[in-house]
Amino acid sequence: MRRYIPKDEENAMNQLDRITQEPGKMGGKACIRGMRVTVSMIVNQIGAGRSQAEILADYPYLEAEDISQALQ
């Protein structure tokens, strides 16, 4: 049986194309593009007052869109 997904929810899911989740990686937590950088790590750093520029400097393999999607 197919579940009806409202268009706005479907669009939101499609917009999070940089967020991945794999059972065997990082305990199944949501990660950025399959890397071992969790969404919660990004959110916690922003919550602690770190800027996007500081995070990008510490993790040069991340991109600004990765952080934006993590915060969504």
N, C-alpha and C. Protein backbone atom coordinates (compact mmCIF):
# COMPACT_ATOMS: atom_id res chain seq x y z
N MET A 1 0.84 -1.18 0.00
CA MET A 1 0.00 0.00 0.00
C MET A 1 0.89 1.24 0.00
N ARG A 2 0.64 2.14 -0.91
CA ARG A 2 1.42 3.38 -1.00
C ARG A 2 0.89 4.41 -0.03
N ARG A 3 1.79 5.11 0.57
CA ARG A 3 1.43 6.19 1.48
C ARG A 3 1.38 7.49 0.70
N TYR A 4 0.33 8.24 0.88
CA TYR A 4 0.23 9.55 0.24
C TYR A 4 1.15 10.52 0.96
N ILE A 5 2.01 11.18 0.20
CA ILE A 5 2.92 12.18 0.74
C ILE A 5 2.52 13.53 0.18
N PRO A 6 2.11 14.46 1.03
CA PRO A 6 1.75 15.79 0.54
C PRO A 6 2.91 16.41 -0.25
N LYS A 7 2.57 17.20 -1.25
CA LYS A 7 3.57 17.78 -2.14
C LYS A 7 4.63 18.58 -1.39
N ASP A 8 4.24 19.36 -0.39
CA ASP A 8 5.23 20.16 0.33
C ASP A 8 6.17 19.27 1.14
N GLU A 9 5.68 18.16 1.67
CA GLU A 9 6.54 17.22 2.39
C GLU A 9 7.48 16.52 1.42
N GLU A 10 6.97 16.17 0.25
CA GLU A 10 7.80 15.53 -0.78
C GLU A 10 8.91 16.47 -1.23
N ASN A 11 8.59 17.74 -1.43
CA ASN A 11 9.59 18.72 -1.83
C ASN A 11 10.65 18.89 -0.75
N ALA A 12 10.23 18.90 0.51
CA ALA A 12 11.18 19.04 1.62
C ALA A 12 12.12 17.85 1.66
N MET A 13 11.61 16.64 1.43
CA MET A 13 12.46 15.45 1.44
C MET A 13 13.45 15.50 0.28
N ASN A 14 13.02 15.95 -0.87
CA ASN A 14 13.91 16.03 -2.03
C ASN A 14 14.99 17.09 -1.83
N GLN A 15 14.71 18.10 -1.06
CA GLN A 15 15.68 19.17 -0.84
C GLN A 15 16.80 18.73 0.09
N LEU A 16 16.62 17.66 0.82
CA LEU A 16 17.64 17.19 1.76
C LEU A 16 18.47 16.08 1.13
N ASP A 17 18.97 16.34 -0.06
CA ASP A 17 19.71 15.32 -0.79
C ASP A 17 21.13 15.13 -0.28
N ARG A 18 21.58 15.94 0.65
CA ARG A 18 22.93 15.80 1.21
C ARG A 18 22.93 15.06 2.54
N ILE A 19 21.75 14.74 3.05
CA ILE A 19 21.62 14.03 4.31
C ILE A 19 21.42 12.55 4.01
N THR A 20 22.30 11.71 4.58
CA THR A 20 22.21 10.27 4.35
C THR A 20 22.11 9.56 5.69
N GLN A 21 21.61 8.33 5.62
CA GLN A 21 21.49 7.55 6.84
C GLN A 21 21.74 6.09 6.48
N GLU A 22 22.75 5.50 7.11
CA GLU A 22 23.11 4.11 6.85
C GLU A 22 23.19 3.39 8.19
N PRO A 23 22.54 2.23 8.31
CA PRO A 23 22.52 1.52 9.59
C PRO A 23 23.91 1.23 10.16
N GLY A 24 24.90 0.93 9.33
CA GLY A 24 26.21 0.57 9.82
C GLY A 24 27.18 1.72 9.99
N LYS A 25 26.74 2.93 9.75
CA LYS A 25 27.65 4.08 9.83
C LYS A 25 27.18 5.04 10.91
N MET A 26 28.08 5.36 11.82
CA MET A 26 27.82 6.33 12.89
C MET A 26 26.55 5.96 13.69
N GLY A 27 26.35 4.67 13.90
CA GLY A 27 25.21 4.20 14.69
C GLY A 27 23.87 4.49 14.04
N GLY A 28 23.85 4.66 12.73
CA GLY A 28 22.59 4.92 12.02
C GLY A 28 22.13 6.36 12.09
N LYS A 29 22.97 7.24 12.64
CA LYS A 29 22.59 8.65 12.73
C LYS A 29 22.63 9.30 11.35
N ALA A 30 21.87 10.37 11.19
CA ALA A 30 21.88 11.13 9.94
C ALA A 30 23.23 11.79 9.77
N CYS A 31 23.81 11.61 8.58
CA CYS A 31 25.15 12.13 8.27
C CYS A 31 25.11 13.04 7.06
N ILE A 32 26.20 13.72 6.85
CA ILE A 32 26.37 14.59 5.69
C ILE A 32 27.03 13.80 4.58
N ARG A 33 26.33 13.64 3.47
CA ARG A 33 26.82 13.01 2.24
C ARG A 33 27.60 11.71 2.48
N GLY A 34 27.13 10.88 3.40
CA GLY A 34 27.76 9.60 3.64
C GLY A 34 29.07 9.66 4.41
N MET A 35 29.47 10.85 4.80
CA MET A 35 30.71 11.00 5.58
C MET A 35 30.43 10.74 7.05
N ARG A 36 31.47 10.67 7.82
CA ARG A 36 31.32 10.46 9.25
C ARG A 36 31.20 11.79 9.99
N VAL A 37 30.39 12.65 9.45
CA VAL A 37 30.04 13.94 10.07
C VAL A 37 28.53 13.90 10.25
N THR A 38 28.09 13.90 11.50
CA THR A 38 26.65 13.78 11.75
C THR A 38 25.96 15.14 11.72
N VAL A 39 24.69 15.08 11.40
CA VAL A 39 23.85 16.28 11.42
C VAL A 39 23.85 16.85 12.84
N SER A 40 23.76 15.99 13.83
CA SER A 40 23.72 16.48 15.22
C SER A 40 25.01 17.21 15.60
N MET A 41 26.15 16.78 15.06
CA MET A 41 27.41 17.46 15.34
C MET A 41 27.36 18.89 14.80
N ILE A 42 26.85 19.04 13.60
CA ILE A 42 26.73 20.39 13.00
C ILE A 42 25.78 21.25 13.84
N VAL A 43 24.62 20.70 14.16
CA VAL A 43 23.62 21.45 14.92
C VAL A 43 24.18 21.84 16.29
N ASN A 44 24.87 20.91 16.94
CA ASN A 44 25.45 21.21 18.26
C ASN A 44 26.50 22.31 18.18
N GLN A 45 27.30 22.31 17.13
CA GLN A 45 28.33 23.34 17.00
C GLN A 45 27.70 24.72 16.76
N ILE A 46 26.67 24.76 15.93
CA ILE A 46 25.96 26.04 15.71
C ILE A 46 25.32 26.49 17.02
N GLY A 47 24.72 25.54 17.74
CA GLY A 47 24.09 25.86 19.03
C GLY A 47 25.09 26.36 20.06
N ALA A 48 26.32 25.93 19.94
CA ALA A 48 27.37 26.37 20.87
C ALA A 48 27.96 27.71 20.47
N GLY A 49 27.46 28.30 19.39
CA GLY A 49 27.90 29.64 19.01
C GLY A 49 28.94 29.69 17.91
N ARG A 50 29.31 28.54 17.35
CA ARG A 50 30.29 28.54 16.26
C ARG A 50 29.62 29.02 14.99
N SER A 51 30.33 29.73 14.18
CA SER A 51 29.78 30.23 12.92
C SER A 51 29.94 29.18 11.82
N GLN A 52 29.19 29.38 10.77
CA GLN A 52 29.31 28.50 9.61
C GLN A 52 30.73 28.55 9.05
N ALA A 53 31.32 29.72 9.01
CA ALA A 53 32.68 29.88 8.50
C ALA A 53 33.69 29.10 9.35
N GLU A 54 33.50 29.10 10.66
CA GLU A 54 34.40 28.35 11.54
C GLU A 54 34.28 26.84 11.30
N ILE A 55 33.08 26.37 11.14
CA ILE A 55 32.87 24.95 10.88
C ILE A 55 33.47 24.55 9.55
N LEU A 56 33.26 25.37 8.53
CA LEU A 56 33.83 25.08 7.20
C LEU A 56 35.35 25.10 7.24
N ALA A 57 35.93 25.95 8.06
CA ALA A 57 37.40 26.00 8.18
C ALA A 57 37.92 24.73 8.86
N ASP A 58 37.19 24.25 9.86
CA ASP A 58 37.60 23.04 10.59
C ASP A 58 37.38 21.76 9.77
N TYR A 59 36.38 21.78 8.90
CA TYR A 59 36.03 20.62 8.09
C TYR A 59 36.02 21.04 6.61
N PRO A 60 37.17 21.16 5.99
CA PRO A 60 37.25 21.70 4.63
C PRO A 60 36.53 20.86 3.57
N TYR A 61 36.19 19.64 3.89
CA TYR A 61 35.46 18.79 2.95
C TYR A 61 33.96 19.04 3.00
N LEU A 62 33.50 19.86 3.94
CA LEU A 62 32.09 20.25 3.99
C LEU A 62 31.86 21.46 3.10
N GLU A 63 30.62 21.62 2.69
CA GLU A 63 30.22 22.78 1.89
C GLU A 63 29.11 23.52 2.63
N ALA A 64 28.92 24.77 2.29
CA ALA A 64 27.90 25.59 2.96
C ALA A 64 26.52 24.94 2.88
N GLU A 65 26.19 24.33 1.75
CA GLU A 65 24.88 23.69 1.59
C GLU A 65 24.73 22.51 2.55
N ASP A 66 25.82 21.83 2.89
CA ASP A 66 25.77 20.75 3.86
C ASP A 66 25.26 21.27 5.21
N ILE A 67 25.79 22.40 5.62
CA ILE A 67 25.39 22.99 6.90
C ILE A 67 23.94 23.46 6.83
N SER A 68 23.57 24.07 5.74
CA SER A 68 22.19 24.56 5.57
C SER A 68 21.20 23.41 5.68
N GLN A 69 21.50 22.30 5.02
CA GLN A 69 20.58 21.16 5.08
C GLN A 69 20.57 20.51 6.46
N ALA A 70 21.70 20.49 7.13
CA ALA A 70 21.75 19.94 8.49
C ALA A 70 20.86 20.74 9.42
N LEU A 71 20.78 22.03 9.21
CA LEU A 71 19.97 22.90 10.07
C LEU A 71 18.48 22.84 9.73
N GLN A 72 18.16 22.28 8.58
CA GLN A 72 16.74 22.14 8.22
C GLN A 72 16.15 20.98 8.96
